[in-house]
Amino acid sequence: MGVFPRLADQGEPETRQWTYLRNNGEQRIVNLTVSAMRDAEGVITGYLLSLIHI
Protein backbone atom coordinates (compact mmCIF):
# COMPACT_ATOMS: atom_id res chain seq x y z
CA MET A 1 0.00 0.00 0.00
CA GLY A 2 2.47 2.61 -1.17
CA VAL A 3 0.07 5.55 -0.77
CA PHE A 4 -0.90 4.82 2.81
CA PRO A 5 1.27 5.39 5.89
CA ARG A 6 3.72 2.72 6.95
CA LEU A 7 3.04 2.99 10.69
CA ALA A 8 0.10 0.63 10.20
CA ASP A 9 2.57 -2.01 9.01
CA GLN A 10 4.51 -1.53 12.25
CA GLY A 11 1.44 -2.13 14.43
CA GLU A 12 0.34 1.45 15.04
CA PRO A 13 -2.82 2.89 13.46
CA GLU A 14 -2.16 6.21 11.76
CA THR A 15 -4.57 9.08 11.08
CA ARG A 16 -4.05 11.78 8.47
CA GLN A 17 -6.19 14.36 6.75
CA TRP A 18 -7.17 13.70 3.13
CA THR A 19 -9.22 15.67 0.63
CA TYR A 20 -11.81 13.60 -1.22
CA LEU A 21 -13.35 14.84 -4.44
CA ARG A 22 -17.01 13.95 -4.96
CA ASN A 23 -18.54 13.16 -8.36
CA ASN A 24 -20.17 16.61 -8.39
CA GLY A 25 -16.79 18.31 -7.87
CA GLU A 26 -17.24 19.14 -4.17
CA GLN A 27 -14.26 18.57 -1.91
CA ARG A 28 -14.59 16.86 1.47
CA ILE A 29 -11.90 16.99 4.15
CA VAL A 30 -11.72 13.71 6.08
CA ASN A 31 -9.59 12.05 8.71
CA LEU A 32 -8.44 8.69 7.34
CA THR A 33 -7.20 6.11 9.84
CA VAL A 34 -5.31 3.08 8.51
CA SER A 35 -4.87 -0.07 10.64
CA ALA A 36 -3.21 -3.32 9.60
CA MET A 37 -5.22 -6.52 10.09
CA ARG A 38 -3.09 -9.52 11.10
CA ASP A 39 -3.56 -13.27 11.34
CA ALA A 40 -2.62 -15.45 14.34
CA GLU A 41 1.05 -15.47 13.22
CA GLY A 42 1.18 -11.68 12.94
CA VAL A 43 1.23 -11.60 9.13
CA ILE A 44 -0.66 -8.69 7.58
CA THR A 45 -3.75 -10.00 5.80
CA GLY A 46 -5.36 -6.66 4.94
CA TYR A 47 -6.02 -3.11 6.04
CA LEU A 48 -8.94 -1.46 7.80
CA LEU A 49 -9.66 2.09 6.65
CA SER A 50 -11.89 4.39 8.68
CA LEU A 51 -13.05 7.77 7.34
CA ILE A 52 -14.57 10.60 9.37
CA HIS A 53 -15.83 13.74 7.67
CA ILE A 54 -14.50 16.79 9.53
PDB file of N, CA and C in Angstrom:
ATOM      1  N   MET A   1       0.836  -1.181   0.000  1.00  0.00           N
ATOM      2  CA  MET A   1       0.000   0.000   0.000  1.00  0.00           C
ATOM      3  C   MET A   1       0.882   1.247   0.000  1.00  0.00           C
ATOM      4  N   GLY A   2       1.516   1.522  -1.088  1.00  0.00           N
ATOM      5  CA  GLY A   2       2.468   2.607  -1.166  1.00  0.00           C
ATOM      6  C   GLY A   2       1.924   3.979  -0.813  1.00  0.00           C
ATOM      7  N   VAL A   3       0.646   4.236  -1.028  1.00  0.00           N
ATOM      8  CA  VAL A   3       0.074   5.550  -0.773  1.00  0.00           C
ATOM      9  C   VAL A   3      -0.181   5.756   0.710  1.00  0.00           C
ATOM     10  N   PHE A   4      -0.493   4.709   1.423  1.00  0.00           N
ATOM     11  CA  PHE A   4      -0.895   4.823   2.812  1.00  0.00           C
ATOM     12  C   PHE A   4       0.310   4.765   3.743  1.00  0.00           C
ATOM     13  N   PRO A   5       0.163   5.330   4.927  1.00  0.00           N
ATOM     14  CA  PRO A   5       1.268   5.393   5.888  1.00  0.00           C
ATOM     15  C   PRO A   5       1.792   4.019   6.279  1.00  0.00           C
ATOM     16  N   ARG A   6       3.059   3.971   6.583  1.00  0.00           N
ATOM     17  CA  ARG A   6       3.723   2.719   6.954  1.00  0.00           C
ATOM     18  C   ARG A   6       3.622   2.371   8.428  1.00  0.00           C
ATOM     19  N   LEU A   7       3.175   3.311   9.271  1.00  0.00           N
ATOM     20  CA  LEU A   7       3.040   2.987  10.694  1.00  0.00           C
ATOM     21  C   LEU A   7       2.078   1.841  10.917  1.00  0.00           C
ATOM     22  N   ALA A   8       1.048   1.733  10.073  1.00  0.00           N
ATOM     23  CA  ALA A   8       0.096   0.628  10.202  1.00  0.00           C
ATOM     24  C   ALA A   8       0.809  -0.708  10.052  1.00  0.00           C
ATOM     25  N   ASP A   9       1.805  -0.774   9.179  1.00  0.00           N
ATOM     26  CA  ASP A   9       2.573  -2.009   9.005  1.00  0.00           C
ATOM     27  C   ASP A   9       3.390  -2.346  10.250  1.00  0.00           C
ATOM     28  N   GLN A  10       3.701  -1.339  11.052  1.00  0.00           N
ATOM     29  CA  GLN A  10       4.509  -1.533  12.255  1.00  0.00           C
ATOM     30  C   GLN A  10       3.656  -1.748  13.496  1.00  0.00           C
ATOM     31  N   GLY A  11       2.325  -1.825  13.319  1.00  0.00           N
ATOM     32  CA  GLY A  11       1.442  -2.131  14.433  1.00  0.00           C
ATOM     33  C   GLY A  11       0.734  -0.943  15.037  1.00  0.00           C
ATOM     34  N   GLU A  12       0.973   0.243  14.516  1.00  0.00           N
ATOM     35  CA  GLU A  12       0.339   1.446  15.041  1.00  0.00           C
ATOM     36  C   GLU A  12      -0.637   2.015  14.021  1.00  0.00           C
ATOM     37  N   PRO A  13      -1.908   2.214  14.386  1.00  0.00           N
ATOM     38  CA  PRO A  13      -2.815   2.891  13.459  1.00  0.00           C
ATOM     39  C   PRO A  13      -2.343   4.325  13.243  1.00  0.00           C
ATOM     40  N   GLU A  14      -2.569   4.849  12.055  1.00  0.00           N
ATOM     41  CA  GLU A  14      -2.158   6.215  11.758  1.00  0.00           C
ATOM     42  C   GLU A  14      -3.324   6.974  11.140  1.00  0.00           C
ATOM     43  N   THR A  15      -3.502   8.219  11.597  1.00  0.00           N
ATOM     44  CA  THR A  15      -4.571   9.079  11.083  1.00  0.00           C
ATOM     45  C   THR A  15      -3.953  10.292  10.401  1.00  0.00           C
ATOM     46  N   ARG A  16      -4.464  10.590   9.208  1.00  0.00           N
ATOM     47  CA  ARG A  16      -4.049  11.780   8.469  1.00  0.00           C
ATOM     48  C   ARG A  16      -5.257  12.409   7.814  1.00  0.00           C
ATOM     49  N   GLN A  17      -5.125  13.690   7.486  1.00  0.00           N
ATOM     50  CA  GLN A  17      -6.190  14.359   6.752  1.00  0.00           C
ATOM     51  C   GLN A  17      -6.010  14.139   5.256  1.00  0.00           C
ATOM     52  N   TRP A  18      -7.140  13.875   4.583  1.00  0.00           N
ATOM     53  CA  TRP A  18      -7.167  13.704   3.131  1.00  0.00           C
ATOM     54  C   TRP A  18      -8.288  14.569   2.578  1.00  0.00           C
ATOM     55  N   THR A  19      -8.156  14.957   1.330  1.00  0.00           N
ATOM     56  CA  THR A  19      -9.216  15.674   0.634  1.00  0.00           C
ATOM     57  C   THR A  19      -9.807  14.734  -0.407  1.00  0.00           C
ATOM     58  N   TYR A  20     -11.092  14.450  -0.265  1.00  0.00           N
ATOM     59  CA  TYR A  20     -11.806  13.605  -1.221  1.00  0.00           C
ATOM     60  C   TYR A  20     -12.586  14.488  -2.174  1.00  0.00           C
ATOM     61  N   LEU A  21     -12.614  14.113  -3.425  1.00  0.00           N
ATOM     62  CA  LEU A  21     -13.348  14.836  -4.444  1.00  0.00           C
ATOM     63  C   LEU A  21     -14.573  14.030  -4.835  1.00  0.00           C
ATOM     64  N   ARG A  22     -15.751  14.618  -4.627  1.00  0.00           N
ATOM     65  CA  ARG A  22     -17.012  13.945  -4.957  1.00  0.00           C
ATOM     66  C   ARG A  22     -17.266  14.017  -6.457  1.00  0.00           C
ATOM     67  N   ASN A  23     -18.187  13.184  -6.929  1.00  0.00           N
ATOM     68  CA  ASN A  23     -18.540  13.163  -8.358  1.00  0.00           C
ATOM     69  C   ASN A  23     -19.013  14.517  -8.866  1.00  0.00           C
ATOM     70  N   ASN A  24     -19.659  15.303  -7.987  1.00  0.00           N
ATOM     71  CA  ASN A  24     -20.165  16.608  -8.388  1.00  0.00           C
ATOM     72  C   ASN A  24     -19.112  17.714  -8.276  1.00  0.00           C
ATOM     73  N   GLY A  25     -17.886  17.358  -7.947  1.00  0.00           N
ATOM     74  CA  GLY A  25     -16.787  18.313  -7.866  1.00  0.00           C
ATOM     75  C   GLY A  25     -16.533  18.888  -6.485  1.00  0.00           C
ATOM     76  N   GLU A  26     -17.434  18.637  -5.535  1.00  0.00           N
ATOM     77  CA  GLU A  26     -17.237  19.135  -4.172  1.00  0.00           C
ATOM     78  C   GLU A  26     -16.080  18.417  -3.494  1.00  0.00           C
ATOM     79  N   GLN A  27     -15.338  19.169  -2.687  1.00  0.00           N
ATOM     80  CA  GLN A  27     -14.257  18.574  -1.908  1.00  0.00           C
ATOM     81  C   GLN A  27     -14.739  18.309  -0.490  1.00  0.00           C
ATOM     82  N   ARG A  28     -14.281  17.216   0.085  1.00  0.00           N
ATOM     83  CA  ARG A  28     -14.587  16.859   1.470  1.00  0.00           C
ATOM     84  C   ARG A  28     -13.269  16.573   2.181  1.00  0.00           C
ATOM     85  N   ILE A  29     -13.062  17.252   3.313  1.00  0.00           N
ATOM     86  CA  ILE A  29     -11.897  16.988   4.146  1.00  0.00           C
ATOM     87  C   ILE A  29     -12.280  15.874   5.116  1.00  0.00           C
ATOM     88  N   VAL A  30     -11.446  14.837   5.192  1.00  0.00           N
ATOM     89  CA  VAL A  30     -11.725  13.705   6.079  1.00  0.00           C
ATOM     90  C   VAL A  30     -10.470  13.336   6.856  1.00  0.00           C
ATOM     91  N   ASN A  31     -10.675  12.725   7.998  1.00  0.00           N
ATOM     92  CA  ASN A  31      -9.593  12.048   8.706  1.00  0.00           C
ATOM     93  C   ASN A  31      -9.647  10.595   8.264  1.00  0.00           C
ATOM     94  N   LEU A  32      -8.537  10.079   7.773  1.00  0.00           N
ATOM     95  CA  LEU A  32      -8.438   8.689   7.342  1.00  0.00           C
ATOM     96  C   LEU A  32      -7.498   7.962   8.290  1.00  0.00           C
ATOM     97  N   THR A  33      -8.021   6.930   8.957  1.00  0.00           N
ATOM     98  CA  THR A  33      -7.200   6.109   9.840  1.00  0.00           C
ATOM     99  C   THR A  33      -6.971   4.763   9.172  1.00  0.00           C
ATOM    100  N   VAL A  34      -5.700   4.351   9.126  1.00  0.00           N
ATOM    101  CA  VAL A  34      -5.310   3.076   8.515  1.00  0.00           C
ATOM    102  C   VAL A  34      -4.779   2.164   9.610  1.00  0.00           C
ATOM    103  N   SER A  35      -5.328   0.945   9.687  1.00  0.00           N
ATOM    104  CA  SER A  35      -4.868  -0.067  10.640  1.00  0.00           C
ATOM    105  C   SER A  35      -4.610  -1.364   9.887  1.00  0.00           C
ATOM    106  N   ALA A  36      -3.516  -2.035  10.214  1.00  0.00           N
ATOM    107  CA  ALA A  36      -3.212  -3.325   9.597  1.00  0.00           C
ATOM    108  C   ALA A  36      -3.983  -4.428  10.313  1.00  0.00           C
ATOM    109  N   MET A  37      -4.547  -5.343   9.539  1.00  0.00           N
ATOM    110  CA  MET A  37      -5.222  -6.518  10.093  1.00  0.00           C
ATOM    111  C   MET A  37      -4.237  -7.687   9.986  1.00  0.00           C
ATOM    112  N   ARG A  38      -4.079  -8.427  11.063  1.00  0.00           N
ATOM    113  CA  ARG A  38      -3.087  -9.516  11.103  1.00  0.00           C
ATOM    114  C   ARG A  38      -3.731 -10.854  11.460  1.00  0.00           C
ATOM    115  N   ASP A  39      -3.094 -11.930  10.980  1.00  0.00           N
ATOM    116  CA  ASP A  39      -3.561 -13.275  11.337  1.00  0.00           C
ATOM    117  C   ASP A  39      -2.901 -13.704  12.647  1.00  0.00           C
ATOM    118  N   ALA A  40      -3.133 -14.933  13.059  1.00  0.00           N
ATOM    119  CA  ALA A  40      -2.617 -15.446  14.335  1.00  0.00           C
ATOM    120  C   ALA A  40      -1.090 -15.427  14.407  1.00  0.00           C
ATOM    121  N   GLU A  41      -0.415 -15.488  13.251  1.00  0.00           N
ATOM    122  CA  GLU A  41       1.045 -15.471  13.219  1.00  0.00           C
ATOM    123  C   GLU A  41       1.611 -14.052  13.108  1.00  0.00           C
ATOM    124  N   GLY A  42       0.731 -13.057  13.032  1.00  0.00           N
ATOM    125  CA  GLY A  42       1.184 -11.680  12.941  1.00  0.00           C
ATOM    126  C   GLY A  42       1.430 -11.189  11.526  1.00  0.00           C
ATOM    127  N   VAL A  43       1.057 -11.985  10.531  1.00  0.00           N
ATOM    128  CA  VAL A  43       1.229 -11.602   9.130  1.00  0.00           C
ATOM    129  C   VAL A  43       0.066 -10.697   8.713  1.00  0.00           C
ATOM    130  N   ILE A  44       0.381  -9.602   8.028  1.00  0.00           N
ATOM    131  CA  ILE A  44      -0.660  -8.687   7.579  1.00  0.00           C
ATOM    132  C   ILE A  44      -1.503  -9.362   6.512  1.00  0.00           C
ATOM    133  N   THR A  45      -2.818  -9.375   6.749  1.00  0.00           N
ATOM    134  CA  THR A  45      -3.754  -9.996   5.804  1.00  0.00           C
ATOM    135  C   THR A  45      -4.633  -8.969   5.094  1.00  0.00           C
ATOM    136  N   GLY A  46      -4.581  -7.728   5.551  1.00  0.00           N
ATOM    137  CA  GLY A  46      -5.359  -6.661   4.940  1.00  0.00           C
ATOM    138  C   GLY A  46      -5.264  -5.400   5.762  1.00  0.00           C
ATOM    139  N   TYR A  47      -6.031  -4.404   5.344  1.00  0.00           N
ATOM    140  CA  TYR A  47      -6.023  -3.115   6.036  1.00  0.00           C
ATOM    141  C   TYR A  47      -7.464  -2.686   6.302  1.00  0.00           C
ATOM    142  N   LEU A  48      -7.652  -2.044   7.446  1.00  0.00           N
ATOM    143  CA  LEU A  48      -8.937  -1.465   7.795  1.00  0.00           C
ATOM    144  C   LEU A  48      -8.799   0.046   7.673  1.00  0.00           C
ATOM    145  N   LEU A  49      -9.674   0.650   6.858  1.00  0.00           N
ATOM    146  CA  LEU A  49      -9.663   2.093   6.654  1.00  0.00           C
ATOM    147  C   LEU A  49     -10.923   2.681   7.268  1.00  0.00           C
ATOM    148  N   SER A  50     -10.762   3.725   8.041  1.00  0.00           N
ATOM    149  CA  SER A  50     -11.885   4.388   8.677  1.00  0.00           C
ATOM    150  C   SER A  50     -11.842   5.863   8.295  1.00  0.00           C
ATOM    151  N   LEU A  51     -12.959   6.380   7.750  1.00  0.00           N
ATOM    152  CA  LEU A  51     -13.046   7.772   7.342  1.00  0.00           C
ATOM    153  C   LEU A  51     -14.036   8.524   8.221  1.00  0.00           C
ATOM    154  N   ILE A  52     -13.661   9.723   8.624  1.00  0.00           N
ATOM    155  CA  ILE A  52     -14.570  10.599   9.371  1.00  0.00           C
ATOM    156  C   ILE A  52     -14.544  11.959   8.695  1.00  0.00           C
ATOM    157  N   HIS A  53     -15.723  12.413   8.279  1.00  0.00           N
ATOM    158  CA  HIS A  53     -15.831  13.742   7.671  1.00  0.00           C
ATOM    159  C   HIS A  53     -15.647  14.788   8.755  1.00  0.00           C
ATOM    160  N   ILE A  54     -14.748  15.744   8.508  1.00  0.00           N
ATOM    161  CA  ILE A  54     -14.504  16.788   9.526  1.00  0.00           C
ATOM    162  C   ILE A  54     -14.919  18.153   9.014  1.00  0.00           C
TER     163      ILE A  54
END
